Amino acid sequence: MTTLLHIDSSARTQRSLTRMLSALFVETWKSHDPDARIIRRDLGTNPPPPVSEEWIAAAFIDPEERTSRMSQALAVSDEMIDELLTSDLIVMGAPMYNYGLPAALKAWVDQVVRVGRTFSFDLARGDFPLQSILVGKRLVVLSSRGEFGFAPGGPRDGWNHMNAHLRTVAMQLLGIAESDINEVAVEYQEFKDKRHEQSLFDARKRVIQLVAELHARPIYRLSRSGP
């Protein structure tokens, strides 16, 4: 049985294209795998708190030395990390806001990227002391963009900081291989013309194809133990 972590981060609830794409992905997956377990995390309607000084103090102390107040400061983080650890596939609805991540999604990233739980830190590794504790997970990012041309060579090449951010975090801190990251996007949203209609049609078609492709690949449930 496959476990999907279904994340939405759009502030919109009724008109969100990323919510539509993520729902389509999950529904299509369940048509292939009716027994799949779905963990739902709606960041758009229930945003995580930002990292605070109290959170940092609790995260970077030996767990055995944490007070009950410190443990409470990490409660949301622990809950979301547990969801991540349990999942095989992360399905993320992520609209581009101002060429970057929605604030709620950035807060989720900051809550789940945590030393001793998702990555280790060891200066014996030299200039690259961070290493993910996780392996074997997959990420699907379903995005929408008001403009267009963010691909290499396009008129807005280099402006897409959202996907770049998520890919770096996924590969460097969450142990997700580059080959296990898939991205689908709807563009031209603010233009509301034929190009947008075609982009939306293509994105929906690609989501359905992607489900079939990913479902055909075996799931490897692997993990590293310890920092």
N, C-alpha and C. Protein backbone atom coordinates (compact mmCIF):
# COMPACT_ATOMS: atom_id res chain seq x y z
N MET A 1 0.85 -1.20 0.00
CA MET A 1 0.00 0.00 0.00
C MET A 1 0.88 1.24 0.00
N THR A 2 0.58 2.18 -0.87
CA THR A 2 1.33 3.42 -0.97
C THR A 2 0.69 4.49 -0.10
N THR A 3 1.53 5.30 0.55
CA THR A 3 1.04 6.42 1.35
C THR A 3 1.40 7.73 0.66
N LEU A 4 0.39 8.55 0.38
CA LEU A 4 0.59 9.85 -0.25
C LEU A 4 0.39 10.95 0.79
N LEU A 5 1.32 11.89 0.83
CA LEU A 5 1.14 13.10 1.61
C LEU A 5 0.65 14.18 0.67
N HIS A 6 -0.63 14.53 0.78
CA HIS A 6 -1.28 15.48 -0.12
C HIS A 6 -1.26 16.86 0.53
N ILE A 7 -0.43 17.74 -0.01
CA ILE A 7 -0.26 19.09 0.53
C ILE A 7 -0.83 20.13 -0.43
N ASP A 8 -1.63 21.03 0.09
CA ASP A 8 -2.04 22.22 -0.67
C ASP A 8 -1.56 23.45 0.07
N SER A 9 -1.17 24.47 -0.70
CA SER A 9 -0.65 25.69 -0.05
C SER A 9 -1.27 26.97 -0.61
N SER A 10 -2.21 26.84 -1.53
CA SER A 10 -2.85 28.02 -2.09
C SER A 10 -3.77 28.69 -1.07
N ALA A 11 -3.73 30.01 -1.02
CA ALA A 11 -4.65 30.76 -0.17
C ALA A 11 -6.07 30.69 -0.70
N ARG A 12 -6.21 30.44 -2.01
CA ARG A 12 -7.53 30.27 -2.60
C ARG A 12 -8.08 28.88 -2.27
N THR A 13 -9.39 28.82 -2.08
CA THR A 13 -10.01 27.53 -1.81
C THR A 13 -10.93 27.08 -2.96
N GLN A 14 -11.60 28.01 -3.60
CA GLN A 14 -12.56 27.65 -4.64
C GLN A 14 -12.01 27.79 -6.05
N ARG A 15 -11.09 28.71 -6.29
CA ARG A 15 -10.61 29.01 -7.64
C ARG A 15 -9.18 28.58 -7.87
N SER A 16 -8.66 27.76 -6.99
CA SER A 16 -7.25 27.40 -7.04
C SER A 16 -6.98 26.33 -8.10
N LEU A 17 -6.08 26.64 -9.02
CA LEU A 17 -5.69 25.65 -10.03
C LEU A 17 -4.79 24.59 -9.43
N THR A 18 -3.95 24.96 -8.47
CA THR A 18 -3.07 23.95 -7.87
C THR A 18 -3.87 22.96 -7.03
N ARG A 19 -4.91 23.43 -6.37
CA ARG A 19 -5.78 22.50 -5.64
C ARG A 19 -6.48 21.56 -6.61
N MET A 20 -6.90 22.09 -7.74
CA MET A 20 -7.54 21.24 -8.74
C MET A 20 -6.57 20.18 -9.25
N LEU A 21 -5.32 20.57 -9.53
CA LEU A 21 -4.35 19.61 -10.05
C LEU A 21 -3.97 18.57 -9.00
N SER A 22 -3.79 19.00 -7.75
CA SER A 22 -3.42 18.03 -6.71
C SER A 22 -4.56 17.05 -6.44
N ALA A 23 -5.79 17.55 -6.47
CA ALA A 23 -6.95 16.66 -6.28
C ALA A 23 -7.05 15.67 -7.43
N LEU A 24 -6.80 16.15 -8.66
CA LEU A 24 -6.82 15.26 -9.82
C LEU A 24 -5.77 14.18 -9.68
N PHE A 25 -4.58 14.56 -9.24
CA PHE A 25 -3.51 13.57 -9.07
C PHE A 25 -3.93 12.50 -8.07
N VAL A 26 -4.43 12.92 -6.91
CA VAL A 26 -4.79 11.97 -5.86
C VAL A 26 -5.95 11.08 -6.31
N GLU A 27 -6.96 11.67 -6.94
CA GLU A 27 -8.10 10.88 -7.41
C GLU A 27 -7.66 9.86 -8.45
N THR A 28 -6.78 10.28 -9.36
CA THR A 28 -6.30 9.37 -10.40
C THR A 28 -5.44 8.27 -9.79
N TRP A 29 -4.62 8.64 -8.81
CA TRP A 29 -3.81 7.62 -8.14
C TRP A 29 -4.70 6.56 -7.49
N LYS A 30 -5.76 7.01 -6.82
CA LYS A 30 -6.63 6.06 -6.14
C LYS A 30 -7.39 5.17 -7.12
N SER A 31 -7.56 5.64 -8.35
CA SER A 31 -8.18 4.77 -9.35
C SER A 31 -7.25 3.62 -9.72
N HIS A 32 -5.94 3.84 -9.59
CA HIS A 32 -4.95 2.78 -9.82
C HIS A 32 -4.72 1.97 -8.55
N ASP A 33 -4.82 2.62 -7.41
CA ASP A 33 -4.48 2.00 -6.13
C ASP A 33 -5.54 2.38 -5.09
N PRO A 34 -6.69 1.68 -5.11
CA PRO A 34 -7.79 2.05 -4.21
C PRO A 34 -7.44 1.97 -2.73
N ASP A 35 -6.44 1.18 -2.38
CA ASP A 35 -6.07 1.03 -0.98
C ASP A 35 -5.03 2.05 -0.52
N ALA A 36 -4.65 2.95 -1.39
CA ALA A 36 -3.65 3.95 -1.03
C ALA A 36 -4.11 4.76 0.18
N ARG A 37 -3.16 5.05 1.06
CA ARG A 37 -3.46 5.88 2.22
C ARG A 37 -3.12 7.32 1.89
N ILE A 38 -4.04 8.23 2.20
CA ILE A 38 -3.85 9.66 1.91
C ILE A 38 -3.75 10.42 3.22
N ILE A 39 -2.62 11.11 3.40
CA ILE A 39 -2.46 12.02 4.54
C ILE A 39 -2.67 13.44 4.01
N ARG A 40 -3.61 14.15 4.58
CA ARG A 40 -3.99 15.47 4.07
C ARG A 40 -3.40 16.57 4.93
N ARG A 41 -2.75 17.53 4.28
CA ARG A 41 -2.20 18.68 4.98
C ARG A 41 -2.50 19.92 4.16
N ASP A 42 -3.46 20.74 4.63
CA ASP A 42 -3.86 21.95 3.92
C ASP A 42 -3.20 23.15 4.58
N LEU A 43 -2.10 23.57 4.00
CA LEU A 43 -1.35 24.71 4.54
C LEU A 43 -2.03 26.04 4.25
N GLY A 44 -2.82 26.07 3.17
CA GLY A 44 -3.48 27.31 2.80
C GLY A 44 -4.52 27.75 3.80
N THR A 45 -5.26 26.78 4.35
CA THR A 45 -6.30 27.10 5.32
C THR A 45 -5.82 26.94 6.76
N ASN A 46 -4.71 26.25 6.95
CA ASN A 46 -4.17 26.04 8.30
C ASN A 46 -2.65 26.19 8.25
N PRO A 47 -2.16 27.41 8.06
CA PRO A 47 -0.71 27.62 7.90
C PRO A 47 0.05 27.30 9.18
N PRO A 48 1.23 26.69 9.04
CA PRO A 48 2.06 26.42 10.22
C PRO A 48 2.62 27.72 10.79
N PRO A 49 2.95 27.72 12.06
CA PRO A 49 3.58 28.92 12.63
C PRO A 49 5.00 29.06 12.09
N PRO A 50 5.50 30.28 12.00
CA PRO A 50 6.89 30.46 11.59
C PRO A 50 7.84 29.99 12.68
N VAL A 51 9.05 29.67 12.28
CA VAL A 51 10.08 29.29 13.25
C VAL A 51 10.37 30.49 14.17
N SER A 52 10.46 30.20 15.46
CA SER A 52 10.69 31.25 16.45
C SER A 52 12.01 30.97 17.20
N GLU A 53 12.43 31.92 18.03
CA GLU A 53 13.64 31.71 18.83
C GLU A 53 13.46 30.52 19.76
N GLU A 54 12.26 30.37 20.32
CA GLU A 54 11.97 29.23 21.20
C GLU A 54 12.07 27.91 20.43
N TRP A 55 11.58 27.90 19.19
CA TRP A 55 11.66 26.70 18.34
C TRP A 55 13.12 26.32 18.09
N ILE A 56 13.93 27.31 17.73
CA ILE A 56 15.35 27.06 17.44
C ILE A 56 16.06 26.50 18.67
N ALA A 57 15.81 27.10 19.83
CA ALA A 57 16.45 26.63 21.06
C ALA A 57 16.08 25.18 21.33
N ALA A 58 14.82 24.82 21.09
CA ALA A 58 14.36 23.45 21.35
C ALA A 58 14.91 22.47 20.33
N ALA A 59 15.01 22.91 19.07
CA ALA A 59 15.45 22.01 18.01
C ALA A 59 16.92 21.67 18.11
N PHE A 60 17.72 22.60 18.61
CA PHE A 60 19.18 22.42 18.61
C PHE A 60 19.75 22.00 19.96
N ILE A 61 18.90 21.53 20.84
CA ILE A 61 19.37 21.00 22.11
C ILE A 61 19.21 19.49 22.09
N ASP A 62 19.99 18.78 22.89
CA ASP A 62 19.85 17.33 23.00
C ASP A 62 18.41 17.00 23.41
N PRO A 63 17.73 16.12 22.67
CA PRO A 63 16.33 15.80 22.99
C PRO A 63 16.12 15.40 24.44
N GLU A 64 17.10 14.76 25.06
CA GLU A 64 16.95 14.33 26.45
C GLU A 64 16.97 15.51 27.42
N GLU A 65 17.44 16.66 26.95
CA GLU A 65 17.52 17.84 27.80
C GLU A 65 16.35 18.81 27.59
N ARG A 66 15.44 18.48 26.70
CA ARG A 66 14.32 19.37 26.42
C ARG A 66 13.33 19.40 27.58
N THR A 67 12.87 20.60 27.86
CA THR A 67 11.80 20.75 28.84
C THR A 67 10.47 20.48 28.15
N SER A 68 9.42 20.38 28.95
CA SER A 68 8.08 20.16 28.38
C SER A 68 7.68 21.35 27.51
N ARG A 69 8.11 22.55 27.89
CA ARG A 69 7.81 23.74 27.08
C ARG A 69 8.53 23.67 25.74
N MET A 70 9.77 23.18 25.73
CA MET A 70 10.51 23.03 24.47
C MET A 70 9.84 22.00 23.57
N SER A 71 9.41 20.90 24.17
CA SER A 71 8.73 19.87 23.38
C SER A 71 7.44 20.41 22.78
N GLN A 72 6.74 21.25 23.53
CA GLN A 72 5.52 21.86 23.01
C GLN A 72 5.82 22.79 21.84
N ALA A 73 6.97 23.49 21.91
CA ALA A 73 7.35 24.40 20.82
C ALA A 73 7.61 23.63 19.53
N LEU A 74 7.96 22.35 19.64
CA LEU A 74 8.24 21.51 18.46
C LEU A 74 7.08 20.60 18.09
N ALA A 75 5.95 20.74 18.76
CA ALA A 75 4.84 19.80 18.56
C ALA A 75 4.34 19.80 17.11
N VAL A 76 4.16 20.98 16.54
CA VAL A 76 3.68 21.07 15.15
C VAL A 76 4.73 20.48 14.21
N SER A 77 5.98 20.81 14.45
CA SER A 77 7.07 20.28 13.64
C SER A 77 7.09 18.75 13.70
N ASP A 78 6.98 18.20 14.91
CA ASP A 78 6.99 16.74 15.06
C ASP A 78 5.83 16.11 14.30
N GLU A 79 4.67 16.72 14.38
CA GLU A 79 3.49 16.18 13.69
C GLU A 79 3.70 16.15 12.17
N MET A 80 4.22 17.23 11.62
CA MET A 80 4.40 17.30 10.18
C MET A 80 5.57 16.43 9.71
N ILE A 81 6.61 16.32 10.53
CA ILE A 81 7.71 15.42 10.17
C ILE A 81 7.23 13.97 10.18
N ASP A 82 6.42 13.61 11.16
CA ASP A 82 5.87 12.25 11.21
C ASP A 82 5.07 11.94 9.95
N GLU A 83 4.30 12.92 9.46
CA GLU A 83 3.56 12.73 8.21
C GLU A 83 4.51 12.50 7.04
N LEU A 84 5.58 13.28 7.01
CA LEU A 84 6.57 13.15 5.94
C LEU A 84 7.26 11.79 6.00
N LEU A 85 7.65 11.36 7.19
CA LEU A 85 8.34 10.08 7.34
C LEU A 85 7.46 8.92 6.91
N THR A 86 6.17 9.02 7.17
CA THR A 86 5.24 7.94 6.85
C THR A 86 4.97 7.84 5.35
N SER A 87 5.12 8.93 4.63
CA SER A 87 4.70 8.99 3.23
C SER A 87 5.75 8.40 2.29
N ASP A 88 5.26 7.87 1.17
CA ASP A 88 6.12 7.42 0.08
C ASP A 88 6.23 8.50 -1.00
N LEU A 89 5.14 9.22 -1.19
CA LEU A 89 5.04 10.20 -2.28
C LEU A 89 4.42 11.48 -1.75
N ILE A 90 5.09 12.61 -1.97
CA ILE A 90 4.59 13.91 -1.56
C ILE A 90 3.97 14.58 -2.78
N VAL A 91 2.69 14.87 -2.71
CA VAL A 91 1.97 15.54 -3.79
C VAL A 91 1.68 16.95 -3.33
N MET A 92 2.33 17.93 -3.94
CA MET A 92 2.34 19.29 -3.42
C MET A 92 1.72 20.27 -4.41
N GLY A 93 0.58 20.83 -4.04
CA GLY A 93 0.00 21.93 -4.80
C GLY A 93 0.64 23.22 -4.35
N ALA A 94 1.37 23.88 -5.27
CA ALA A 94 2.20 25.02 -4.86
C ALA A 94 2.13 26.13 -5.89
N PRO A 95 1.27 27.13 -5.70
CA PRO A 95 1.24 28.26 -6.63
C PRO A 95 2.46 29.13 -6.45
N MET A 96 2.90 29.75 -7.53
CA MET A 96 4.01 30.69 -7.44
C MET A 96 3.47 32.05 -6.97
N TYR A 97 4.01 32.53 -5.86
CA TYR A 97 3.65 33.85 -5.35
C TYR A 97 4.88 34.75 -5.45
N ASN A 98 4.79 35.78 -6.24
CA ASN A 98 5.90 36.75 -6.36
C ASN A 98 7.22 36.06 -6.67
N TYR A 99 7.13 35.08 -7.57
CA TYR A 99 8.28 34.31 -8.07
C TYR A 99 8.88 33.38 -7.02
N GLY A 100 8.18 33.18 -5.91
CA GLY A 100 8.69 32.31 -4.86
C GLY A 100 7.60 31.45 -4.25
N LEU A 101 7.89 30.90 -3.07
CA LEU A 101 6.95 30.03 -2.37
C LEU A 101 5.88 30.84 -1.66
N PRO A 102 4.66 30.30 -1.56
CA PRO A 102 3.70 30.88 -0.61
C PRO A 102 4.27 30.82 0.80
N ALA A 103 3.95 31.81 1.61
CA ALA A 103 4.51 31.87 2.97
C ALA A 103 4.18 30.61 3.76
N ALA A 104 2.98 30.08 3.59
CA ALA A 104 2.58 28.89 4.35
C ALA A 104 3.44 27.69 3.97
N LEU A 105 3.80 27.58 2.70
CA LEU A 105 4.64 26.46 2.26
C LEU A 105 6.07 26.64 2.76
N LYS A 106 6.57 27.86 2.74
CA LYS A 106 7.90 28.12 3.30
C LYS A 106 7.93 27.76 4.78
N ALA A 107 6.84 28.08 5.50
CA ALA A 107 6.78 27.73 6.92
C ALA A 107 6.80 26.22 7.11
N TRP A 108 6.13 25.48 6.23
CA TRP A 108 6.15 24.01 6.29
C TRP A 108 7.58 23.49 6.08
N VAL A 109 8.26 24.03 5.08
CA VAL A 109 9.65 23.63 4.83
C VAL A 109 10.49 23.85 6.08
N ASP A 110 10.36 25.02 6.70
CA ASP A 110 11.17 25.33 7.87
C ASP A 110 10.82 24.44 9.06
N GLN A 111 9.57 23.98 9.13
CA GLN A 111 9.17 23.11 10.23
C GLN A 111 9.64 21.67 10.04
N VAL A 112 9.73 21.19 8.80
CA VAL A 112 10.09 19.78 8.59
C VAL A 112 11.58 19.57 8.35
N VAL A 113 12.29 20.61 7.97
CA VAL A 113 13.75 20.49 7.83
C VAL A 113 14.36 20.73 9.20
N ARG A 114 14.72 19.64 9.89
CA ARG A 114 15.14 19.76 11.28
C ARG A 114 16.28 18.79 11.59
N VAL A 115 17.31 19.31 12.19
CA VAL A 115 18.48 18.51 12.51
C VAL A 115 18.09 17.36 13.45
N GLY A 116 18.61 16.19 13.16
CA GLY A 116 18.32 15.02 13.97
C GLY A 116 17.07 14.29 13.60
N ARG A 117 16.22 14.92 12.79
CA ARG A 117 14.99 14.26 12.38
C ARG A 117 14.92 14.04 10.88
N THR A 118 15.27 15.05 10.10
CA THR A 118 15.28 14.86 8.65
C THR A 118 16.68 15.03 8.06
N PHE A 119 17.59 15.65 8.78
CA PHE A 119 18.97 15.73 8.30
C PHE A 119 19.93 15.71 9.48
N SER A 120 21.17 15.34 9.21
CA SER A 120 22.21 15.34 10.24
C SER A 120 23.25 16.40 9.90
N PHE A 121 24.01 16.79 10.91
CA PHE A 121 25.05 17.80 10.75
C PHE A 121 26.33 17.26 11.38
N ASP A 122 27.39 17.16 10.57
CA ASP A 122 28.64 16.60 11.06
C ASP A 122 29.80 17.31 10.37
N LEU A 123 30.56 18.09 11.14
CA LEU A 123 31.68 18.84 10.57
C LEU A 123 32.80 17.94 10.06
N ALA A 124 32.77 16.66 10.42
CA ALA A 124 33.75 15.73 9.89
C ALA A 124 33.58 15.55 8.38
N ARG A 125 32.45 15.98 7.84
CA ARG A 125 32.22 15.91 6.40
C ARG A 125 32.85 17.09 5.65
N GLY A 126 33.52 17.95 6.37
CA GLY A 126 34.18 19.08 5.72
C GLY A 126 33.22 20.20 5.39
N ASP A 127 33.31 20.73 4.17
CA ASP A 127 32.53 21.90 3.79
C ASP A 127 31.07 21.59 3.49
N PHE A 128 30.69 20.32 3.51
CA PHE A 128 29.31 19.94 3.28
C PHE A 128 28.83 19.06 4.43
N PRO A 129 28.62 19.67 5.60
CA PRO A 129 28.31 18.88 6.80
C PRO A 129 26.87 18.37 6.89
N LEU A 130 25.96 18.92 6.07
CA LEU A 130 24.57 18.51 6.14
C LEU A 130 24.33 17.29 5.26
N GLN A 131 23.56 16.33 5.79
CA GLN A 131 23.21 15.15 5.01
C GLN A 131 21.81 14.69 5.41
N SER A 132 20.99 14.38 4.41
CA SER A 132 19.64 13.92 4.71
C SER A 132 19.66 12.58 5.42
N ILE A 133 18.74 12.41 6.36
CA ILE A 133 18.52 11.12 7.00
C ILE A 133 17.53 10.29 6.18
N LEU A 134 16.75 10.97 5.35
CA LEU A 134 15.69 10.31 4.58
C LEU A 134 16.20 9.87 3.22
N VAL A 135 15.65 8.78 2.72
CA VAL A 135 15.91 8.34 1.36
C VAL A 135 14.66 7.65 0.83
N GLY A 136 14.57 7.57 -0.50
CA GLY A 136 13.52 6.76 -1.11
C GLY A 136 12.18 7.42 -1.29
N LYS A 137 12.07 8.72 -1.03
CA LYS A 137 10.78 9.39 -1.21
C LYS A 137 10.71 10.06 -2.57
N ARG A 138 9.48 10.38 -2.99
CA ARG A 138 9.26 11.05 -4.26
C ARG A 138 8.47 12.33 -4.04
N LEU A 139 8.66 13.28 -4.94
CA LEU A 139 7.98 14.57 -4.83
C LEU A 139 7.36 14.95 -6.17
N VAL A 140 6.10 15.35 -6.13
CA VAL A 140 5.41 15.90 -7.29
C VAL A 140 4.96 17.31 -6.94
N VAL A 141 5.43 18.30 -7.70
CA VAL A 141 5.08 19.70 -7.47
C VAL A 141 4.13 20.15 -8.57
N LEU A 142 2.93 20.54 -8.19
CA LEU A 142 1.90 20.97 -9.13
C LEU A 142 1.68 22.46 -8.93
N SER A 143 2.06 23.25 -9.92
CA SER A 143 2.15 24.69 -9.75
C SER A 143 1.25 25.44 -10.72
N SER A 144 1.02 26.71 -10.42
CA SER A 144 0.34 27.63 -11.34
C SER A 144 1.10 28.95 -11.32
N ARG A 145 1.11 29.59 -12.48
CA ARG A 145 1.87 30.83 -12.64
C ARG A 145 1.04 31.84 -13.43
N GLY A 146 1.03 33.05 -12.94
CA GLY A 146 0.27 34.08 -13.64
C GLY A 146 0.88 34.43 -14.98
N GLU A 147 2.21 34.35 -15.07
CA GLU A 147 2.91 34.70 -16.30
C GLU A 147 3.35 33.42 -17.02
N PHE A 148 4.36 33.51 -17.86
CA PHE A 148 4.79 32.37 -18.66
C PHE A 148 6.26 32.53 -19.02
N GLY A 149 6.82 31.46 -19.59
CA GLY A 149 8.18 31.54 -20.12
C GLY A 149 9.27 31.41 -19.08
N PHE A 150 9.07 30.54 -18.07
CA PHE A 150 10.06 30.37 -17.01
C PHE A 150 11.07 29.27 -17.33
N ALA A 151 10.85 28.52 -18.39
CA ALA A 151 11.76 27.44 -18.76
C ALA A 151 13.08 28.03 -19.28
N PRO A 152 14.16 27.22 -19.25
CA PRO A 152 15.43 27.71 -19.79
C PRO A 152 15.28 28.25 -21.21
N GLY A 153 15.79 29.44 -21.43
CA GLY A 153 15.68 30.08 -22.73
C GLY A 153 14.44 30.93 -22.90
N GLY A 154 13.50 30.84 -21.94
CA GLY A 154 12.27 31.63 -22.02
C GLY A 154 12.48 33.06 -21.59
N PRO A 155 11.49 33.92 -21.81
CA PRO A 155 11.64 35.34 -21.47
C PRO A 155 11.76 35.60 -19.97
N ARG A 156 11.35 34.63 -19.14
CA ARG A 156 11.48 34.77 -17.68
C ARG A 156 12.37 33.68 -17.10
N ASP A 157 13.31 33.23 -17.89
CA ASP A 157 14.30 32.25 -17.44
C ASP A 157 15.03 32.79 -16.21
N GLY A 158 15.07 31.99 -15.13
CA GLY A 158 15.75 32.39 -13.91
C GLY A 158 14.86 33.10 -12.90
N TRP A 159 13.61 33.39 -13.26
CA TRP A 159 12.72 34.09 -12.34
C TRP A 159 11.96 33.13 -11.41
N ASN A 160 11.93 31.86 -11.76
CA ASN A 160 11.16 30.88 -10.99
C ASN A 160 11.99 30.41 -9.79
N HIS A 161 11.85 31.11 -8.67
CA HIS A 161 12.59 30.75 -7.47
C HIS A 161 11.84 29.73 -6.63
N MET A 162 10.58 29.50 -6.93
CA MET A 162 9.80 28.54 -6.15
C MET A 162 10.25 27.11 -6.41
N ASN A 163 10.22 26.69 -7.68
CA ASN A 163 10.61 25.32 -7.99
C ASN A 163 12.08 25.06 -7.67
N ALA A 164 12.91 26.07 -7.93
CA ALA A 164 14.33 25.92 -7.62
C ALA A 164 14.55 25.71 -6.13
N HIS A 165 13.83 26.46 -5.32
CA HIS A 165 13.93 26.32 -3.86
C HIS A 165 13.50 24.93 -3.42
N LEU A 166 12.35 24.48 -3.90
CA LEU A 166 11.83 23.18 -3.50
C LEU A 166 12.76 22.05 -3.94
N ARG A 167 13.32 22.16 -5.14
CA ARG A 167 14.22 21.11 -5.64
C ARG A 167 15.48 21.04 -4.79
N THR A 168 16.04 22.19 -4.42
CA THR A 168 17.25 22.20 -3.60
C THR A 168 16.99 21.59 -2.23
N VAL A 169 15.90 22.00 -1.60
CA VAL A 169 15.54 21.46 -0.28
C VAL A 169 15.30 19.95 -0.38
N ALA A 170 14.55 19.54 -1.40
CA ALA A 170 14.23 18.12 -1.55
C ALA A 170 15.47 17.28 -1.72
N MET A 171 16.38 17.72 -2.59
CA MET A 171 17.57 16.91 -2.89
C MET A 171 18.61 16.97 -1.78
N GLN A 172 18.82 18.15 -1.19
CA GLN A 172 19.90 18.30 -0.24
C GLN A 172 19.51 17.96 1.20
N LEU A 173 18.23 18.15 1.55
CA LEU A 173 17.84 18.01 2.95
C LEU A 173 16.77 16.96 3.20
N LEU A 174 16.04 16.55 2.17
CA LEU A 174 14.99 15.54 2.35
C LEU A 174 15.31 14.24 1.64
N GLY A 175 16.49 14.14 1.06
CA GLY A 175 16.94 12.89 0.48
C GLY A 175 16.17 12.43 -0.74
N ILE A 176 15.57 13.34 -1.48
CA ILE A 176 14.82 12.97 -2.67
C ILE A 176 15.72 13.14 -3.90
N ALA A 177 15.89 12.07 -4.65
CA ALA A 177 16.75 12.11 -5.82
C ALA A 177 16.14 13.01 -6.89
N GLU A 178 17.00 13.64 -7.67
CA GLU A 178 16.50 14.53 -8.73
C GLU A 178 15.56 13.80 -9.67
N SER A 179 15.85 12.53 -9.94
CA SER A 179 15.00 11.74 -10.84
C SER A 179 13.64 11.42 -10.24
N ASP A 180 13.49 11.64 -8.93
CA ASP A 180 12.23 11.37 -8.25
C ASP A 180 11.45 12.65 -7.97
N ILE A 181 11.84 13.75 -8.61
CA ILE A 181 11.10 15.01 -8.53
C ILE A 181 10.43 15.27 -9.86
N ASN A 182 9.12 15.44 -9.84
CA ASN A 182 8.36 15.73 -11.05
C ASN A 182 7.58 17.03 -10.86
N GLU A 183 7.53 17.83 -11.92
CA GLU A 183 6.88 19.14 -11.84
C GLU A 183 5.91 19.31 -13.02
N VAL A 184 4.73 19.83 -12.70
CA VAL A 184 3.73 20.17 -13.71
C VAL A 184 3.22 21.57 -13.38
N ALA A 185 3.07 22.41 -14.38
CA ALA A 185 2.64 23.79 -14.11
C ALA A 185 1.64 24.28 -15.14
N VAL A 186 0.72 25.09 -14.67
CA VAL A 186 -0.20 25.85 -15.53
C VAL A 186 0.34 27.27 -15.63
N GLU A 187 0.45 27.80 -16.85
CA GLU A 187 0.93 29.17 -17.02
C GLU A 187 -0.15 30.05 -17.67
N TYR A 188 0.19 31.33 -17.86
CA TYR A 188 -0.69 32.32 -18.51
C TYR A 188 -1.96 32.60 -17.69
N GLN A 189 -1.96 32.32 -16.39
CA GLN A 189 -3.19 32.43 -15.62
C GLN A 189 -3.77 33.84 -15.64
N GLU A 190 -2.90 34.84 -15.59
CA GLU A 190 -3.39 36.23 -15.56
C GLU A 190 -3.84 36.73 -16.93
N PHE A 191 -3.47 36.02 -17.99
CA PHE A 191 -3.84 36.45 -19.34
C PHE A 191 -5.23 35.98 -19.74
N LYS A 192 -5.65 34.85 -19.16
CA LYS A 192 -7.02 34.34 -19.37
C LYS A 192 -7.37 34.24 -20.86
N ASP A 193 -6.43 33.72 -21.64
CA ASP A 193 -6.66 33.61 -23.08
C ASP A 193 -6.53 32.15 -23.52
N LYS A 194 -6.46 31.93 -24.83
CA LYS A 194 -6.37 30.58 -25.36
C LYS A 194 -5.10 29.87 -24.89
N ARG A 195 -4.04 30.64 -24.71
CA ARG A 195 -2.79 30.04 -24.24
C ARG A 195 -2.97 29.44 -22.84
N HIS A 196 -3.72 30.15 -22.00
CA HIS A 196 -3.99 29.64 -20.66
C HIS A 196 -4.86 28.38 -20.73
N GLU A 197 -5.87 28.41 -21.57
CA GLU A 197 -6.73 27.23 -21.72
C GLU A 197 -5.92 26.02 -22.17
N GLN A 198 -5.00 26.23 -23.10
CA GLN A 198 -4.19 25.12 -23.60
C GLN A 198 -3.23 24.64 -22.51
N SER A 199 -2.66 25.58 -21.76
CA SER A 199 -1.74 25.21 -20.69
C SER A 199 -2.45 24.39 -19.62
N LEU A 200 -3.67 24.78 -19.29
CA LEU A 200 -4.44 24.04 -18.30
C LEU A 200 -4.79 22.64 -18.82
N PHE A 201 -5.19 22.56 -20.08
CA PHE A 201 -5.50 21.27 -20.69
C PHE A 201 -4.26 20.36 -20.66
N ASP A 202 -3.13 20.91 -21.05
CA ASP A 202 -1.89 20.13 -21.08
C ASP A 202 -1.48 19.67 -19.69
N ALA A 203 -1.67 20.53 -18.68
CA ALA A 203 -1.29 20.19 -17.31
C ALA A 203 -2.15 19.05 -16.78
N ARG A 204 -3.44 19.12 -17.02
CA ARG A 204 -4.34 18.05 -16.57
C ARG A 204 -3.96 16.72 -17.25
N LYS A 205 -3.69 16.79 -18.53
CA LYS A 205 -3.30 15.58 -19.27
C LYS A 205 -2.00 15.02 -18.72
N ARG A 206 -1.04 15.90 -18.42
CA ARG A 206 0.25 15.47 -17.92
C ARG A 206 0.12 14.84 -16.53
N VAL A 207 -0.75 15.37 -15.68
CA VAL A 207 -0.97 14.81 -14.35
C VAL A 207 -1.45 13.36 -14.46
N ILE A 208 -2.40 13.11 -15.33
CA ILE A 208 -2.93 11.76 -15.50
C ILE A 208 -1.84 10.82 -16.02
N GLN A 209 -1.04 11.30 -16.97
CA GLN A 209 0.07 10.49 -17.49
C GLN A 209 1.10 10.22 -16.40
N LEU A 210 1.39 11.23 -15.60
CA LEU A 210 2.40 11.10 -14.57
C LEU A 210 2.00 10.07 -13.52
N VAL A 211 0.74 10.05 -13.16
CA VAL A 211 0.26 9.04 -12.20
C VAL A 211 0.54 7.64 -12.73
N ALA A 212 0.21 7.41 -13.99
CA ALA A 212 0.44 6.09 -14.59
C ALA A 212 1.93 5.74 -14.57
N GLU A 213 2.78 6.72 -14.90
CA GLU A 213 4.22 6.47 -14.92
C GLU A 213 4.76 6.15 -13.53
N LEU A 214 4.35 6.93 -12.53
CA LEU A 214 4.86 6.73 -11.18
C LEU A 214 4.30 5.45 -10.56
N HIS A 215 3.05 5.16 -10.86
CA HIS A 215 2.45 3.95 -10.30
C HIS A 215 3.13 2.70 -10.81
N ALA A 216 3.71 2.78 -12.01
CA ALA A 216 4.38 1.62 -12.60
C ALA A 216 5.75 1.37 -11.98
N ARG A 217 6.29 2.39 -11.29
CA ARG A 217 7.61 2.23 -10.67
C ARG A 217 7.46 1.64 -9.28
N PRO A 218 8.38 0.76 -8.87
CA PRO A 218 8.31 0.22 -7.51
C PRO A 218 8.63 1.28 -6.48
N ILE A 219 8.04 1.14 -5.31
CA ILE A 219 8.31 2.03 -4.18
C ILE A 219 9.37 1.37 -3.31
N TYR A 220 10.42 2.11 -3.03
CA TYR A 220 11.48 1.60 -2.16
C TYR A 220 11.36 2.28 -0.80
N ARG A 221 11.01 1.51 0.19
CA ARG A 221 10.86 2.07 1.54
C ARG A 221 12.17 1.89 2.29
N LEU A 222 13.02 2.91 2.20
CA LEU A 222 14.34 2.87 2.81
C LEU A 222 14.47 4.03 3.77
N SER A 223 15.28 3.89 4.76
CA SER A 223 15.56 5.01 5.66
C SER A 223 16.93 4.81 6.29
N ARG A 224 17.53 5.92 6.64
CA ARG A 224 18.78 5.86 7.39
C ARG A 224 18.43 6.00 8.86
N SER A 225 19.18 5.37 9.69
CA SER A 225 18.92 5.48 11.12
C SER A 225 20.02 6.32 11.76
N GLY A 226 19.62 7.25 12.57
CA GLY A 226 20.59 8.06 13.31
C GLY A 226 21.13 9.21 12.51
N PRO A 227 21.75 10.17 13.18
CA PRO A 227 22.28 11.34 12.50
C PRO A 227 23.54 11.04 11.73
